[in-house]
Amino acid sequence: MKDNALLSAAEAYARPFYAEAHRAYHNTAHVEAMLGALAARGVLSPALALAVWGHDLIYDPRAGDNEARSAEVFGMWLAGQGAPAELVAQVQVLILATQHRALPATREEALLVDADLGILGAEPRAFAAYDAAIRQEYRHVPGPLYRIGRRKVLQGFLNRERIYTTPEFAGLEAQARANLAGAIAQL
């Protein structure tokens, strides 16, 4: 299957997952924003596009293994489409990089992670909408517990030496730090 056909098939396969009712942020708009951010910077490759479509395929706010499950499910789907084993493995590794547990190991991983975190550096109104959507996805968590957990996540990004590791996204750094500090102060 050629790249364009595989990308079209991936989009058709993934869209129903991203349309699930419990998704307020991790939905098709998030995927499209990532694709747009990578394309606007001239770095969107077929592997990155596939990884973007697959990275939040499985999203359960109560689970801690969404990326691993997404990599597995999307990888099996890619293999079923006849994608080369190397591409399947590459996309799965890219998806796992969006766990944000370690610094990206490759430039491609860094670009994907930076695109995934692009919302942190958005203008304040868009960041506030993102923050509200995340709270909606975690509405099952009582307020005090949510504030503790959210503060820990946001502070973890703020504590990094650099939030964005690629030159293409470095311009978002100052706004991301301001947004994160503001959100933490409101918790």
C-alpha atoms as a PDB file:
ATOM      1  CA  MET A   1       0.000   0.000   0.000  1.00  0.00           C
ATOM      2  CA  LYS A   2       1.415   3.397  -0.982  1.00  0.00           C
ATOM      3  CA  ASP A   3       1.972   6.117   1.636  1.00  0.00           C
ATOM      4  CA  ASN A   4      -1.045   8.238   0.656  1.00  0.00           C
ATOM      5  CA  ALA A   5      -3.377   5.246   0.587  1.00  0.00           C
ATOM      6  CA  LEU A   6      -2.042   4.006   3.934  1.00  0.00           C
ATOM      7  CA  LEU A   7      -2.428   7.466   5.485  1.00  0.00           C
ATOM      8  CA  SER A   8      -6.005   7.740   4.195  1.00  0.00           C
ATOM      9  CA  ALA A   9      -6.800   4.272   5.532  1.00  0.00           C
ATOM     10  CA  ALA A  10      -5.206   5.131   8.890  1.00  0.00           C
ATOM     11  CA  GLU A  11      -7.310   8.264   9.184  1.00  0.00           C
ATOM     12  CA  ALA A  12     -10.489   6.332   8.353  1.00  0.00           C
ATOM     13  CA  TYR A  13      -9.564   3.637  10.877  1.00  0.00           C
ATOM     14  CA  ALA A  14      -8.631   6.080  13.658  1.00  0.00           C
ATOM     15  CA  ARG A  15     -11.420   8.674  13.395  1.00  0.00           C
ATOM     16  CA  PRO A  16     -14.048   6.557  15.231  1.00  0.00           C
ATOM     17  CA  PHE A  17     -11.666   6.126  18.176  1.00  0.00           C
ATOM     18  CA  TYR A  18     -11.089   9.879  18.402  1.00  0.00           C
ATOM     19  CA  ALA A  19     -14.854  10.508  18.227  1.00  0.00           C
ATOM     20  CA  GLU A  20     -15.578   8.604  21.467  1.00  0.00           C
ATOM     21  CA  ALA A  21     -17.918  10.564  23.730  1.00  0.00           C
ATOM     22  CA  HIS A  22     -15.560  10.746  26.729  1.00  0.00           C
ATOM     23  CA  ARG A  23     -12.881  12.642  24.773  1.00  0.00           C
ATOM     24  CA  ALA A  24     -12.938  16.372  25.360  1.00  0.00           C
ATOM     25  CA  TYR A  25      -9.338  17.062  24.325  1.00  0.00           C
ATOM     26  CA  HIS A  26      -7.804  13.811  23.039  1.00  0.00           C
ATOM     27  CA  ASN A  27      -9.969  13.871  19.930  1.00  0.00           C
ATOM     28  CA  THR A  28      -9.711  14.511  16.196  1.00  0.00           C
ATOM     29  CA  ALA A  29      -9.078  18.239  16.729  1.00  0.00           C
ATOM     30  CA  HIS A  30      -5.949  17.352  18.734  1.00  0.00           C
ATOM     31  CA  VAL A  31      -4.754  15.032  15.955  1.00  0.00           C
ATOM     32  CA  GLU A  32      -5.422  17.650  13.287  1.00  0.00           C
ATOM     33  CA  ALA A  33      -3.614  20.323  15.326  1.00  0.00           C
ATOM     34  CA  MET A  34      -0.559  18.079  15.606  1.00  0.00           C
ATOM     35  CA  LEU A  35      -0.605  17.262  11.895  1.00  0.00           C
ATOM     36  CA  GLY A  36      -0.985  20.957  11.090  1.00  0.00           C
ATOM     37  CA  ALA A  37       1.854  21.959  13.420  1.00  0.00           C
ATOM     38  CA  LEU A  38       4.223  19.412  11.877  1.00  0.00           C
ATOM     39  CA  ALA A  39       3.183  20.273   8.314  1.00  0.00           C
ATOM     40  CA  ALA A  40       3.514  24.028   8.919  1.00  0.00           C
ATOM     41  CA  ARG A  41       7.083  23.447  10.073  1.00  0.00           C
ATOM     42  CA  GLY A  42       7.855  21.317   7.004  1.00  0.00           C
ATOM     43  CA  VAL A  43       8.677  18.178   8.985  1.00  0.00           C
ATOM     44  CA  LEU A  44       5.590  15.969   8.529  1.00  0.00           C
ATOM     45  CA  SER A  45       6.727  12.582   7.212  1.00  0.00           C
ATOM     46  CA  PRO A  46       4.484   9.578   6.520  1.00  0.00           C
ATOM     47  CA  ALA A  47       5.788   7.830   9.654  1.00  0.00           C
ATOM     48  CA  LEU A  48       5.067  10.895  11.792  1.00  0.00           C
ATOM     49  CA  ALA A  49       1.586  11.255  10.298  1.00  0.00           C
ATOM     50  CA  LEU A  50       0.838   7.611  11.070  1.00  0.00           C
ATOM     51  CA  ALA A  51       2.161   8.024  14.611  1.00  0.00           C
ATOM     52  CA  VAL A  52      -0.014  11.097  15.127  1.00  0.00           C
ATOM     53  CA  TRP A  53      -3.112   9.152  14.069  1.00  0.00           C
ATOM     54  CA  GLY A  54      -2.128   6.249  16.325  1.00  0.00           C
ATOM     55  CA  HIS A  55      -0.749   7.987  19.410  1.00  0.00           C
ATOM     56  CA  ASP A  56      -4.018   8.451  21.333  1.00  0.00           C
ATOM     57  CA  LEU A  57      -5.994   5.735  19.565  1.00  0.00           C
ATOM     58  CA  ILE A  58      -6.781   4.156  22.929  1.00  0.00           C
ATOM     59  CA  TYR A  59      -7.644   6.757  25.521  1.00  0.00           C
ATOM     60  CA  ASP A  60      -9.082   5.860  28.896  1.00  0.00           C
ATOM     61  CA  PRO A  61      -8.442   8.574  31.521  1.00  0.00           C
ATOM     62  CA  ARG A  62      -8.610   5.876  34.216  1.00  0.00           C
ATOM     63  CA  ALA A  63      -5.812   3.810  32.661  1.00  0.00           C
ATOM     64  CA  GLY A  64      -2.087   4.312  32.777  1.00  0.00           C
ATOM     65  CA  ASP A  65      -1.162   2.347  29.682  1.00  0.00           C
ATOM     66  CA  ASN A  66      -2.963   4.210  26.899  1.00  0.00           C
ATOM     67  CA  GLU A  67       0.122   4.780  24.748  1.00  0.00           C
ATOM     68  CA  ALA A  68       1.265   1.156  25.063  1.00  0.00           C
ATOM     69  CA  ARG A  69      -2.196  -0.083  24.129  1.00  0.00           C
ATOM     70  CA  SER A  70      -2.398   2.448  21.287  1.00  0.00           C
ATOM     71  CA  ALA A  71       0.978   1.305  19.942  1.00  0.00           C
ATOM     72  CA  GLU A  72      -0.122  -2.325  20.108  1.00  0.00           C
ATOM     73  CA  VAL A  73      -3.552  -1.854  18.506  1.00  0.00           C
ATOM     74  CA  PHE A  74      -2.353   0.555  15.828  1.00  0.00           C
ATOM     75  CA  GLY A  75       0.697  -1.591  15.120  1.00  0.00           C
ATOM     76  CA  MET A  76      -1.483  -4.652  14.591  1.00  0.00           C
ATOM     77  CA  TRP A  77      -3.728  -2.643  12.291  1.00  0.00           C
ATOM     78  CA  LEU A  78      -0.736  -1.363  10.283  1.00  0.00           C
ATOM     79  CA  ALA A  79       0.645  -4.887   9.951  1.00  0.00           C
ATOM     80  CA  GLY A  80      -2.781  -6.041   8.797  1.00  0.00           C
ATOM     81  CA  GLN A  81      -2.642  -3.417   6.065  1.00  0.00           C
ATOM     82  CA  GLY A  82       0.589  -4.905   4.771  1.00  0.00           C
ATOM     83  CA  ALA A  83       2.833  -2.119   6.089  1.00  0.00           C
ATOM     84  CA  PRO A  84       6.504  -3.123   6.192  1.00  0.00           C
ATOM     85  CA  ALA A  85       7.614  -4.484   9.576  1.00  0.00           C
ATOM     86  CA  GLU A  86      10.194  -1.676   9.895  1.00  0.00           C
ATOM     87  CA  LEU A  87       7.501   0.977   9.483  1.00  0.00           C
ATOM     88  CA  VAL A  88       5.227  -0.751  11.997  1.00  0.00           C
ATOM     89  CA  ALA A  89       8.053  -0.864  14.551  1.00  0.00           C
ATOM     90  CA  GLN A  90       9.030   2.760  13.847  1.00  0.00           C
ATOM     91  CA  VAL A  91       5.463   4.002  14.342  1.00  0.00           C
ATOM     92  CA  GLN A  92       5.076   1.989  17.545  1.00  0.00           C
ATOM     93  CA  VAL A  93       8.283   3.479  18.988  1.00  0.00           C
ATOM     94  CA  LEU A  94       7.084   6.959  18.046  1.00  0.00           C
ATOM     95  CA  ILE A  95       3.742   6.376  19.748  1.00  0.00           C
ATOM     96  CA  LEU A  96       5.476   5.181  22.922  1.00  0.00           C
ATOM     97  CA  ALA A  97       7.530   8.403  22.991  1.00  0.00           C
ATOM     98  CA  THR A  98       4.282  10.295  23.709  1.00  0.00           C
ATOM     99  CA  GLN A  99       4.231   8.744  27.185  1.00  0.00           C
ATOM    100  CA  HIS A 100       6.481  11.713  28.085  1.00  0.00           C
ATOM    101  CA  ARG A 101       8.407   9.585  30.577  1.00  0.00           C
ATOM    102  CA  ALA A 102      11.846  10.138  29.047  1.00  0.00           C
ATOM    103  CA  LEU A 103      13.504  12.561  26.694  1.00  0.00           C
ATOM    104  CA  PRO A 104      12.997  11.642  23.045  1.00  0.00           C
ATOM    105  CA  ALA A 105      15.769   9.421  21.682  1.00  0.00           C
ATOM    106  CA  THR A 106      15.548  10.513  18.031  1.00  0.00           C
ATOM    107  CA  ARG A 107      14.724  13.659  16.097  1.00  0.00           C
ATOM    108  CA  GLU A 108      11.490  12.079  14.861  1.00  0.00           C
ATOM    109  CA  GLU A 109      10.446  11.246  18.425  1.00  0.00           C
ATOM    110  CA  ALA A 110      11.324  14.796  19.491  1.00  0.00           C
ATOM    111  CA  LEU A 111       9.199  16.292  16.723  1.00  0.00           C
ATOM    112  CA  LEU A 112       6.223  14.113  17.655  1.00  0.00           C
ATOM    113  CA  VAL A 113       6.559  14.879  21.363  1.00  0.00           C
ATOM    114  CA  ASP A 114       6.924  18.604  20.678  1.00  0.00           C
ATOM    115  CA  ALA A 115       3.832  18.556  18.468  1.00  0.00           C
ATOM    116  CA  ASP A 116       1.926  16.666  21.169  1.00  0.00           C
ATOM    117  CA  LEU A 117       2.947  19.320  23.713  1.00  0.00           C
ATOM    118  CA  GLY A 118       2.293  22.192  21.310  1.00  0.00           C
ATOM    119  CA  ILE A 119      -0.897  23.118  23.152  1.00  0.00           C
ATOM    120  CA  LEU A 120       1.159  24.060  26.198  1.00  0.00           C
ATOM    121  CA  GLY A 121       2.597  26.954  24.190  1.00  0.00           C
ATOM    122  CA  ALA A 122      -0.704  28.083  22.702  1.00  0.00           C
ATOM    123  CA  GLU A 123      -2.141  31.533  23.240  1.00  0.00           C
ATOM    124  CA  PRO A 124      -3.734  31.792  26.711  1.00  0.00           C
ATOM    125  CA  ARG A 125      -7.366  31.351  25.605  1.00  0.00           C
ATOM    126  CA  ALA A 126      -6.586  28.138  23.685  1.00  0.00           C
ATOM    127  CA  PHE A 127      -4.500  26.849  26.604  1.00  0.00           C
ATOM    128  CA  ALA A 128      -7.381  27.576  29.015  1.00  0.00           C
ATOM    129  CA  ALA A 129      -9.771  25.629  26.753  1.00  0.00           C
ATOM    130  CA  TYR A 130      -7.305  22.716  26.704  1.00  0.00           C
ATOM    131  CA  ASP A 131      -6.979  22.832  30.493  1.00  0.00           C
ATOM    132  CA  ALA A 132     -10.772  22.807  30.886  1.00  0.00           C
ATOM    133  CA  ALA A 133     -11.079  19.900  28.442  1.00  0.00           C
ATOM    134  CA  ILE A 134      -8.533  17.871  30.408  1.00  0.00           C
ATOM    135  CA  ARG A 135     -10.540  18.498  33.580  1.00  0.00           C
ATOM    136  CA  GLN A 136     -13.634  17.294  31.755  1.00  0.00           C
ATOM    137  CA  GLU A 137     -11.858  14.082  30.741  1.00  0.00           C
ATOM    138  CA  TYR A 138     -10.914  13.564  34.391  1.00  0.00           C
ATOM    139  CA  ARG A 139     -14.292  14.524  35.838  1.00  0.00           C
ATOM    140  CA  HIS A 140     -14.361  11.172  37.650  1.00  0.00           C
ATOM    141  CA  VAL A 141     -11.501  12.403  39.885  1.00  0.00           C
ATOM    142  CA  PRO A 142     -12.601  14.424  42.930  1.00  0.00           C
ATOM    143  CA  GLY A 143     -11.490  18.072  42.888  1.00  0.00           C
ATOM    144  CA  PRO A 144      -8.791  17.932  45.578  1.00  0.00           C
ATOM    145  CA  LEU A 145      -7.208  14.801  44.090  1.00  0.00           C
ATOM    146  CA  TYR A 146      -7.394  16.230  40.586  1.00  0.00           C
ATOM    147  CA  ARG A 147      -5.654  19.430  41.659  1.00  0.00           C
ATOM    148  CA  ILE A 148      -2.823  17.453  43.315  1.00  0.00           C
ATOM    149  CA  GLY A 149      -2.344  15.202  40.271  1.00  0.00           C
ATOM    150  CA  ARG A 150      -2.663  17.993  37.738  1.00  0.00           C
ATOM    151  CA  ARG A 151      -0.207  20.182  39.626  1.00  0.00           C
ATOM    152  CA  LYS A 152       2.296  17.311  39.603  1.00  0.00           C
ATOM    153  CA  VAL A 153       1.919  16.793  35.833  1.00  0.00           C
ATOM    154  CA  LEU A 154       2.142  20.486  34.958  1.00  0.00           C
ATOM    155  CA  GLN A 155       5.029  21.090  37.357  1.00  0.00           C
ATOM    156  CA  GLY A 156       6.867  18.164  35.764  1.00  0.00           C
ATOM    157  CA  PHE A 157       6.760  19.931  32.390  1.00  0.00           C
ATOM    158  CA  LEU A 158       7.683  23.268  33.951  1.00  0.00           C
ATOM    159  CA  ASN A 159      10.667  21.706  35.748  1.00  0.00           C
ATOM    160  CA  ARG A 160      12.219  20.537  32.505  1.00  0.00           C
ATOM    161  CA  GLU A 161      15.257  22.420  31.312  1.00  0.00           C
ATOM    162  CA  ARG A 162      13.438  22.757  27.980  1.00  0.00           C
ATOM    163  CA  ILE A 163       9.853  21.763  27.250  1.00  0.00           C
ATOM    164  CA  TYR A 164      10.461  21.720  23.486  1.00  0.00           C
ATOM    165  CA  THR A 165      13.576  19.951  22.251  1.00  0.00           C
ATOM    166  CA  THR A 166      13.459  20.791  18.536  1.00  0.00           C
ATOM    167  CA  PRO A 167      14.265  24.136  16.936  1.00  0.00           C
ATOM    168  CA  GLU A 168      10.946  23.956  15.062  1.00  0.00           C
ATOM    169  CA  PHE A 169       8.962  24.233  18.311  1.00  0.00           C
ATOM    170  CA  ALA A 170      11.408  26.229  20.472  1.00  0.00           C
ATOM    171  CA  GLY A 171       9.457  29.430  19.829  1.00  0.00           C
ATOM    172  CA  LEU A 172       6.631  28.070  21.997  1.00  0.00           C
ATOM    173  CA  GLU A 173       8.831  27.745  25.104  1.00  0.00           C
ATOM    174  CA  ALA A 174       8.179  31.121  26.772  1.00  0.00           C
ATOM    175  CA  GLN A 175       4.404  30.972  26.276  1.00  0.00           C
ATOM    176  CA  ALA A 176       4.309  27.366  27.509  1.00  0.00           C
ATOM    177  CA  ARG A 177       6.151  28.330  30.684  1.00  0.00           C
ATOM    178  CA  ALA A 178       3.768  31.252  31.267  1.00  0.00           C
ATOM    179  CA  ASN A 179       0.718  29.036  30.646  1.00  0.00           C
ATOM    180  CA  LEU A 180       1.974  26.285  32.939  1.00  0.00           C
ATOM    181  CA  ALA A 181       2.866  28.698  35.730  1.00  0.00           C
ATOM    182  CA  GLY A 182      -0.551  30.338  35.453  1.00  0.00           C
ATOM    183  CA  ALA A 183      -2.388  27.012  35.498  1.00  0.00           C
ATOM    184  CA  ILE A 184      -0.421  25.819  38.515  1.00  0.00           C
ATOM    185  CA  ALA A 185      -1.164  29.074  40.353  1.00  0.00           C
ATOM    186  CA  GLN A 186      -4.901  28.562  39.718  1.00  0.00           C
ATOM    187  CA  LEU A 187      -4.847  25.036  41.152  1.00  0.00           C
END
